[in-house]
Amino acid sequence: MPLTWFSALLALIATLISALLGVLDFSRQTFKDVMLLQFVNVFLQALVYRSHDLLQEEITITLYNMAAVDFDSFYSAFLPRFLRGCEGL
């Protein structure tokens, strides 16, 4: 099967990304202030537009962990703003 090496490479990349995301501490104030909303936005776009289906499970777990830092803000402010900006939903 000619795509065996490619499938193995994709699996390795998914594992590495999952490991890197596991290292991030989403509750650190600097991360929350500077990068959290940008990461959440990118990961939600990846799920909505299905651009990284291979990483769907890892992205979903990561999004949950990021939103769990402040569920109230996520559901009351960020998510409605994100959904308004998505075309075709």
C-alpha atoms as a PDB file:
ATOM      1  CA  MET A   1       0.000   0.000   0.000  1.00  0.00           C
ATOM      2  CA  PRO A   2       1.757   3.199  -1.179  1.00  0.00           C
ATOM      3  CA  LEU A   3       0.245   5.519   1.445  1.00  0.00           C
ATOM      4  CA  THR A   4       1.468   3.500   4.433  1.00  0.00           C
ATOM      5  CA  TRP A   5       4.413   5.821   5.086  1.00  0.00           C
ATOM      6  CA  PHE A   6       2.139   8.843   4.727  1.00  0.00           C
ATOM      7  CA  SER A   7      -0.396   7.428   7.183  1.00  0.00           C
ATOM      8  CA  ALA A   8       2.400   6.685   9.638  1.00  0.00           C
ATOM      9  CA  LEU A   9       3.709  10.233   9.262  1.00  0.00           C
ATOM     10  CA  LEU A  10       0.267  11.733   9.888  1.00  0.00           C
ATOM     11  CA  ALA A  11      -0.163   9.567  12.971  1.00  0.00           C
ATOM     12  CA  LEU A  12       3.229  10.719  14.280  1.00  0.00           C
ATOM     13  CA  ILE A  13       2.353  14.375  13.669  1.00  0.00           C
ATOM     14  CA  ALA A  14      -0.981  13.937  15.474  1.00  0.00           C
ATOM     15  CA  THR A  15       0.807  12.356  18.437  1.00  0.00           C
ATOM     16  CA  LEU A  16       3.359  15.167  18.600  1.00  0.00           C
ATOM     17  CA  ILE A  17       0.700  17.880  18.443  1.00  0.00           C
ATOM     18  CA  SER A  18      -1.317  16.138  21.129  1.00  0.00           C
ATOM     19  CA  ALA A  19       1.754  15.944  23.381  1.00  0.00           C
ATOM     20  CA  LEU A  20       2.590  19.619  22.823  1.00  0.00           C
ATOM     21  CA  LEU A  21      -0.959  20.715  23.599  1.00  0.00           C
ATOM     22  CA  GLY A  22      -0.882  18.659  26.779  1.00  0.00           C
ATOM     23  CA  VAL A  23       2.124  20.639  27.997  1.00  0.00           C
ATOM     24  CA  LEU A  24       0.451  24.047  27.702  1.00  0.00           C
ATOM     25  CA  ASP A  25      -0.872  25.397  30.979  1.00  0.00           C
ATOM     26  CA  PHE A  26      -4.137  27.089  30.018  1.00  0.00           C
ATOM     27  CA  SER A  27      -4.684  28.561  33.474  1.00  0.00           C
ATOM     28  CA  ARG A  28      -1.527  30.722  33.521  1.00  0.00           C
ATOM     29  CA  GLN A  29      -2.474  34.378  33.502  1.00  0.00           C
ATOM     30  CA  THR A  30      -0.078  35.315  30.695  1.00  0.00           C
ATOM     31  CA  PHE A  31      -1.472  32.607  28.443  1.00  0.00           C
ATOM     32  CA  LYS A  32      -5.050  33.649  29.268  1.00  0.00           C
ATOM     33  CA  ASP A  33      -4.365  37.321  28.625  1.00  0.00           C
ATOM     34  CA  VAL A  34      -2.344  36.982  25.442  1.00  0.00           C
ATOM     35  CA  MET A  35      -3.075  33.746  23.603  1.00  0.00           C
ATOM     36  CA  LEU A  36      -6.081  31.835  24.905  1.00  0.00           C
ATOM     37  CA  LEU A  37      -8.757  33.402  22.709  1.00  0.00           C
ATOM     38  CA  GLN A  38      -6.573  33.140  19.618  1.00  0.00           C
ATOM     39  CA  PHE A  39      -5.995  29.429  20.212  1.00  0.00           C
ATOM     40  CA  VAL A  40      -9.677  28.807  20.913  1.00  0.00           C
ATOM     41  CA  ASN A  41     -10.627  30.654  17.737  1.00  0.00           C
ATOM     42  CA  VAL A  42      -8.213  28.645  15.566  1.00  0.00           C
ATOM     43  CA  PHE A  43      -9.246  25.307  17.085  1.00  0.00           C
ATOM     44  CA  LEU A  44     -12.959  26.058  16.731  1.00  0.00           C
ATOM     45  CA  GLN A  45     -12.424  27.029  13.099  1.00  0.00           C
ATOM     46  CA  ALA A  46     -10.576  23.754  12.523  1.00  0.00           C
ATOM     47  CA  LEU A  47     -13.575  21.844  13.888  1.00  0.00           C
ATOM     48  CA  VAL A  48     -16.261  23.877  12.125  1.00  0.00           C
ATOM     49  CA  TYR A  49     -14.569  23.856   8.731  1.00  0.00           C
ATOM     50  CA  ARG A  50     -13.188  20.302   9.176  1.00  0.00           C
ATOM     51  CA  SER A  51      -9.707  21.327   8.139  1.00  0.00           C
ATOM     52  CA  HIS A  52      -7.924  18.947  10.533  1.00  0.00           C
ATOM     53  CA  ASP A  53     -10.237  15.954  10.920  1.00  0.00           C
ATOM     54  CA  LEU A  54      -7.352  13.677  11.856  1.00  0.00           C
ATOM     55  CA  LEU A  55      -6.856  15.742  15.025  1.00  0.00           C
ATOM     56  CA  GLN A  56     -10.538  16.180  15.863  1.00  0.00           C
ATOM     57  CA  GLU A  57     -10.381  14.321  19.181  1.00  0.00           C
ATOM     58  CA  GLU A  58      -7.258  16.138  20.390  1.00  0.00           C
ATOM     59  CA  ILE A  59      -8.654  19.510  19.326  1.00  0.00           C
ATOM     60  CA  THR A  60     -11.948  18.853  21.108  1.00  0.00           C
ATOM     61  CA  ILE A  61     -10.216  17.860  24.347  1.00  0.00           C
ATOM     62  CA  THR A  62      -7.936  20.884  24.128  1.00  0.00           C
ATOM     63  CA  LEU A  63     -10.882  23.223  23.504  1.00  0.00           C
ATOM     64  CA  TYR A  64     -12.695  21.827  26.523  1.00  0.00           C
ATOM     65  CA  ASN A  65      -9.628  22.369  28.706  1.00  0.00           C
ATOM     66  CA  MET A  66      -9.239  25.924  27.440  1.00  0.00           C
ATOM     67  CA  ALA A  67     -12.912  26.751  27.940  1.00  0.00           C
ATOM     68  CA  ALA A  68     -12.858  25.183  31.415  1.00  0.00           C
ATOM     69  CA  VAL A  69     -10.529  27.945  32.607  1.00  0.00           C
ATOM     70  CA  ASP A  70     -13.534  30.311  32.473  1.00  0.00           C
ATOM     71  CA  PHE A  71     -16.727  28.638  31.216  1.00  0.00           C
ATOM     72  CA  ASP A  72     -18.847  31.718  31.959  1.00  0.00           C
ATOM     73  CA  SER A  73     -16.810  33.953  29.637  1.00  0.00           C
ATOM     74  CA  PHE A  74     -16.524  31.237  27.022  1.00  0.00           C
ATOM     75  CA  TYR A  75     -20.282  30.677  26.773  1.00  0.00           C
ATOM     76  CA  SER A  76     -21.486  34.237  27.352  1.00  0.00           C
ATOM     77  CA  ALA A  77     -18.941  36.236  25.340  1.00  0.00           C
ATOM     78  CA  PHE A  78     -16.591  34.264  23.134  1.00  0.00           C
ATOM     79  CA  LEU A  79     -18.838  31.555  21.680  1.00  0.00           C
ATOM     80  CA  PRO A  80     -21.667  33.893  20.567  1.00  0.00           C
ATOM     81  CA  ARG A  81     -19.131  36.236  18.939  1.00  0.00           C
ATOM     82  CA  PHE A  82     -17.427  33.297  17.212  1.00  0.00           C
ATOM     83  CA  LEU A  83     -20.712  31.899  15.879  1.00  0.00           C
ATOM     84  CA  ARG A  84     -21.800  35.292  14.523  1.00  0.00           C
ATOM     85  CA  GLY A  85     -18.576  35.393  12.513  1.00  0.00           C
ATOM     86  CA  CYS A  86     -19.017  31.950  10.967  1.00  0.00           C
ATOM     87  CA  GLU A  87     -20.546  31.984   7.530  1.00  0.00           C
ATOM     88  CA  GLY A  88     -22.859  29.153   6.616  1.00  0.00           C
ATOM     89  CA  LEU A  89     -23.820  28.100  10.132  1.00  0.00           C
END
